[in-house]
Amino acid sequence: MQPTTRRALLEGLADACGFVFGALAGWGLGILLGVDFIRSQGYDLSSMLGLVAILLGCGAGKWLSRRWLRQALGPP
């Protein structure tokens, strides 16, 4: 496998894992804070804050996975 293809595959997998695990972490944090988007009825303030927690978790997870990958493989 070409080095650029391997790196692109690893970046894609890191992005996907960071996004999913970050979303799960954000959802868990929202549940701990009492704002659950998944199980709420309607679109009130509590459910919107739960959605924000999930979205922040997605972004943070992707950022952390990219940072880890950069440390493991070095800059492109």
N, C-alpha and C. Protein backbone atom coordinates (compact mmCIF):
# COMPACT_ATOMS: atom_id res chain seq x y z
N MET A 1 0.86 -1.18 0.00
CA MET A 1 0.00 0.00 0.00
C MET A 1 0.90 1.24 0.00
N GLN A 2 0.52 2.21 -0.80
CA GLN A 2 1.28 3.46 -0.89
C GLN A 2 1.23 4.19 0.45
N PRO A 3 2.30 4.90 0.82
CA PRO A 3 2.29 5.64 2.09
C PRO A 3 1.19 6.70 2.16
N THR A 4 0.91 7.38 1.04
CA THR A 4 -0.15 8.40 1.07
C THR A 4 -1.53 7.77 1.21
N THR A 5 -1.72 6.60 0.58
CA THR A 5 -3.00 5.89 0.71
C THR A 5 -3.19 5.40 2.13
N ARG A 6 -2.12 4.87 2.71
CA ARG A 6 -2.19 4.38 4.10
C ARG A 6 -2.52 5.52 5.05
N ARG A 7 -1.86 6.66 4.86
CA ARG A 7 -2.12 7.81 5.74
C ARG A 7 -3.55 8.31 5.58
N ALA A 8 -4.04 8.36 4.34
CA ALA A 8 -5.42 8.80 4.11
C ALA A 8 -6.41 7.84 4.76
N LEU A 9 -6.14 6.55 4.67
CA LEU A 9 -7.02 5.56 5.31
C LEU A 9 -7.00 5.73 6.83
N LEU A 10 -5.83 5.93 7.40
CA LEU A 10 -5.73 6.13 8.86
C LEU A 10 -6.42 7.42 9.29
N GLU A 11 -6.30 8.47 8.50
CA GLU A 11 -6.98 9.73 8.83
C GLU A 11 -8.50 9.56 8.79
N GLY A 12 -8.98 8.85 7.79
CA GLY A 12 -10.42 8.60 7.70
C GLY A 12 -10.94 7.78 8.86
N LEU A 13 -10.21 6.74 9.22
CA LEU A 13 -10.63 5.92 10.36
C LEU A 13 -10.55 6.69 11.67
N ALA A 14 -9.51 7.51 11.82
CA ALA A 14 -9.38 8.32 13.03
C ALA A 14 -10.51 9.33 13.13
N ASP A 15 -10.86 9.95 12.00
CA ASP A 15 -11.98 10.91 11.99
C ASP A 15 -13.29 10.23 12.38
N ALA A 16 -13.55 9.07 11.78
CA ALA A 16 -14.80 8.37 12.06
C ALA A 16 -14.88 7.94 13.52
N CYS A 17 -13.81 7.35 14.03
CA CYS A 17 -13.81 6.90 15.43
C CYS A 17 -13.92 8.09 16.38
N GLY A 18 -13.18 9.15 16.11
CA GLY A 18 -13.25 10.33 16.96
C GLY A 18 -14.63 10.95 16.97
N PHE A 19 -15.26 10.99 15.80
CA PHE A 19 -16.60 11.57 15.68
C PHE A 19 -17.62 10.74 16.46
N VAL A 20 -17.60 9.43 16.28
CA VAL A 20 -18.59 8.56 16.95
C VAL A 20 -18.36 8.52 18.45
N PHE A 21 -17.12 8.28 18.87
CA PHE A 21 -16.85 8.19 20.31
C PHE A 21 -17.02 9.55 20.99
N GLY A 22 -16.72 10.63 20.28
CA GLY A 22 -16.96 11.96 20.83
C GLY A 22 -18.44 12.23 21.01
N ALA A 23 -19.25 11.79 20.04
CA ALA A 23 -20.70 11.96 20.15
C ALA A 23 -21.24 11.17 21.34
N LEU A 24 -20.75 9.95 21.52
CA LEU A 24 -21.19 9.15 22.66
C LEU A 24 -20.77 9.79 23.98
N ALA A 25 -19.57 10.34 24.01
CA ALA A 25 -19.11 11.02 25.23
C ALA A 25 -19.95 12.27 25.50
N GLY A 26 -20.27 13.02 24.45
CA GLY A 26 -21.11 14.21 24.61
C GLY A 26 -22.51 13.86 25.07
N TRP A 27 -23.04 12.77 24.54
CA TRP A 27 -24.36 12.31 24.97
C TRP A 27 -24.34 11.89 26.43
N GLY A 28 -23.29 11.17 26.82
CA GLY A 28 -23.15 10.76 28.23
C GLY A 28 -23.02 11.96 29.15
N LEU A 29 -22.25 12.96 28.72
CA LEU A 29 -22.11 14.17 29.52
C LEU A 29 -23.45 14.89 29.64
N GLY A 30 -24.20 14.92 28.54
CA GLY A 30 -25.52 15.54 28.60
C GLY A 30 -26.45 14.84 29.56
N ILE A 31 -26.40 13.50 29.57
CA ILE A 31 -27.23 12.74 30.51
C ILE A 31 -26.82 13.05 31.94
N LEU A 32 -25.50 13.13 32.20
CA LEU A 32 -25.04 13.45 33.55
C LEU A 32 -25.49 14.85 33.98
N LEU A 33 -25.57 15.77 33.02
CA LEU A 33 -26.02 17.12 33.33
C LEU A 33 -27.54 17.26 33.33
N GLY A 34 -28.24 16.19 32.95
CA GLY A 34 -29.69 16.21 32.98
C GLY A 34 -30.34 16.76 31.72
N VAL A 35 -29.60 16.78 30.62
CA VAL A 35 -30.14 17.27 29.35
C VAL A 35 -29.95 16.16 28.30
N ASP A 36 -30.94 15.31 28.15
CA ASP A 36 -30.86 14.17 27.25
C ASP A 36 -31.63 14.48 25.98
N PHE A 37 -30.92 14.59 24.86
CA PHE A 37 -31.56 14.89 23.59
C PHE A 37 -32.29 13.68 23.01
N ILE A 38 -31.74 12.50 23.18
CA ILE A 38 -32.26 11.31 22.53
C ILE A 38 -33.63 10.92 23.09
N ARG A 39 -33.81 10.99 24.38
CA ARG A 39 -35.06 10.53 25.01
C ARG A 39 -36.05 11.65 25.33
N SER A 40 -35.76 12.85 24.89
CA SER A 40 -36.67 13.96 25.23
C SER A 40 -37.86 14.00 24.29
N GLN A 41 -38.93 14.58 24.77
CA GLN A 41 -40.15 14.75 23.99
C GLN A 41 -40.20 16.19 23.51
N GLY A 42 -40.15 16.41 22.22
CA GLY A 42 -40.23 17.77 21.68
C GLY A 42 -38.88 18.45 21.65
N TYR A 43 -38.94 19.75 21.36
CA TYR A 43 -37.73 20.55 21.21
C TYR A 43 -37.73 21.69 22.21
N ASP A 44 -37.52 21.37 23.46
CA ASP A 44 -37.44 22.41 24.47
C ASP A 44 -35.97 22.76 24.72
N LEU A 45 -35.73 23.63 25.68
CA LEU A 45 -34.37 24.08 25.98
C LEU A 45 -33.49 22.91 26.43
N SER A 46 -34.03 22.02 27.21
CA SER A 46 -33.27 20.88 27.71
C SER A 46 -32.79 19.99 26.56
N SER A 47 -33.66 19.71 25.63
CA SER A 47 -33.25 18.85 24.51
C SER A 47 -32.25 19.56 23.61
N MET A 48 -32.38 20.87 23.43
CA MET A 48 -31.42 21.60 22.60
C MET A 48 -30.05 21.65 23.27
N LEU A 49 -30.02 21.78 24.59
CA LEU A 49 -28.73 21.74 25.29
C LEU A 49 -28.10 20.35 25.18
N GLY A 50 -28.92 19.32 25.18
CA GLY A 50 -28.41 17.97 24.98
C GLY A 50 -27.83 17.80 23.59
N LEU A 51 -28.48 18.39 22.59
CA LEU A 51 -27.96 18.34 21.23
C LEU A 51 -26.63 19.08 21.13
N VAL A 52 -26.53 20.22 21.78
CA VAL A 52 -25.27 20.97 21.78
C VAL A 52 -24.15 20.15 22.43
N ALA A 53 -24.46 19.43 23.50
CA ALA A 53 -23.45 18.57 24.14
C ALA A 53 -22.98 17.48 23.19
N ILE A 54 -23.89 16.90 22.43
CA ILE A 54 -23.52 15.86 21.46
C ILE A 54 -22.65 16.47 20.36
N LEU A 55 -23.02 17.63 19.85
CA LEU A 55 -22.26 18.26 18.78
C LEU A 55 -20.88 18.68 19.24
N LEU A 56 -20.78 19.20 20.44
CA LEU A 56 -19.46 19.56 20.98
C LEU A 56 -18.60 18.32 21.18
N GLY A 57 -19.22 17.23 21.60
CA GLY A 57 -18.49 15.97 21.73
C GLY A 57 -17.97 15.47 20.39
N CYS A 58 -18.78 15.61 19.34
CA CYS A 58 -18.33 15.21 18.00
C CYS A 58 -17.10 16.00 17.58
N GLY A 59 -17.16 17.29 17.74
CA GLY A 59 -16.03 18.14 17.35
C GLY A 59 -14.79 17.87 18.18
N ALA A 60 -14.97 17.72 19.48
CA ALA A 60 -13.83 17.46 20.35
C ALA A 60 -13.22 16.09 20.07
N GLY A 61 -14.06 15.10 19.82
CA GLY A 61 -13.55 13.77 19.50
C GLY A 61 -12.76 13.74 18.22
N LYS A 62 -13.25 14.43 17.20
CA LYS A 62 -12.51 14.49 15.94
C LYS A 62 -11.20 15.23 16.12
N TRP A 63 -11.23 16.33 16.85
CA TRP A 63 -10.01 17.10 17.10
C TRP A 63 -8.98 16.27 17.85
N LEU A 64 -9.42 15.54 18.88
CA LEU A 64 -8.50 14.71 19.65
C LEU A 64 -7.94 13.56 18.83
N SER A 65 -8.76 12.96 17.98
CA SER A 65 -8.26 11.85 17.16
C SER A 65 -7.24 12.36 16.14
N ARG A 66 -7.47 13.52 15.54
CA ARG A 66 -6.50 14.09 14.61
C ARG A 66 -5.20 14.46 15.32
N ARG A 67 -5.32 14.99 16.52
CA ARG A 67 -4.12 15.35 17.29
C ARG A 67 -3.31 14.10 17.64
N TRP A 68 -4.01 13.04 18.06
CA TRP A 68 -3.32 11.79 18.37
C TRP A 68 -2.64 11.22 17.13
N LEU A 69 -3.33 11.25 15.99
CA LEU A 69 -2.77 10.72 14.76
C LEU A 69 -1.54 11.52 14.34
N ARG A 70 -1.58 12.83 14.48
CA ARG A 70 -0.44 13.67 14.14
C ARG A 70 0.76 13.35 15.03
N GLN A 71 0.50 13.06 16.30
CA GLN A 71 1.61 12.69 17.19
C GLN A 71 2.15 11.31 16.85
N ALA A 72 1.28 10.40 16.43
CA ALA A 72 1.71 9.04 16.13
C ALA A 72 2.46 8.96 14.80
N LEU A 73 2.00 9.70 13.79
CA LEU A 73 2.60 9.59 12.45
C LEU A 73 3.48 10.75 12.07
N GLY A 74 3.39 11.84 12.78
CA GLY A 74 4.12 13.03 12.41
C GLY A 74 3.31 13.89 11.44
N PRO A 75 3.78 15.08 11.15
CA PRO A 75 3.04 15.97 10.24
C PRO A 75 3.02 15.40 8.81
N PRO A 76 2.02 15.77 8.03
CA PRO A 76 1.93 15.26 6.65
C PRO A 76 3.05 15.74 5.76
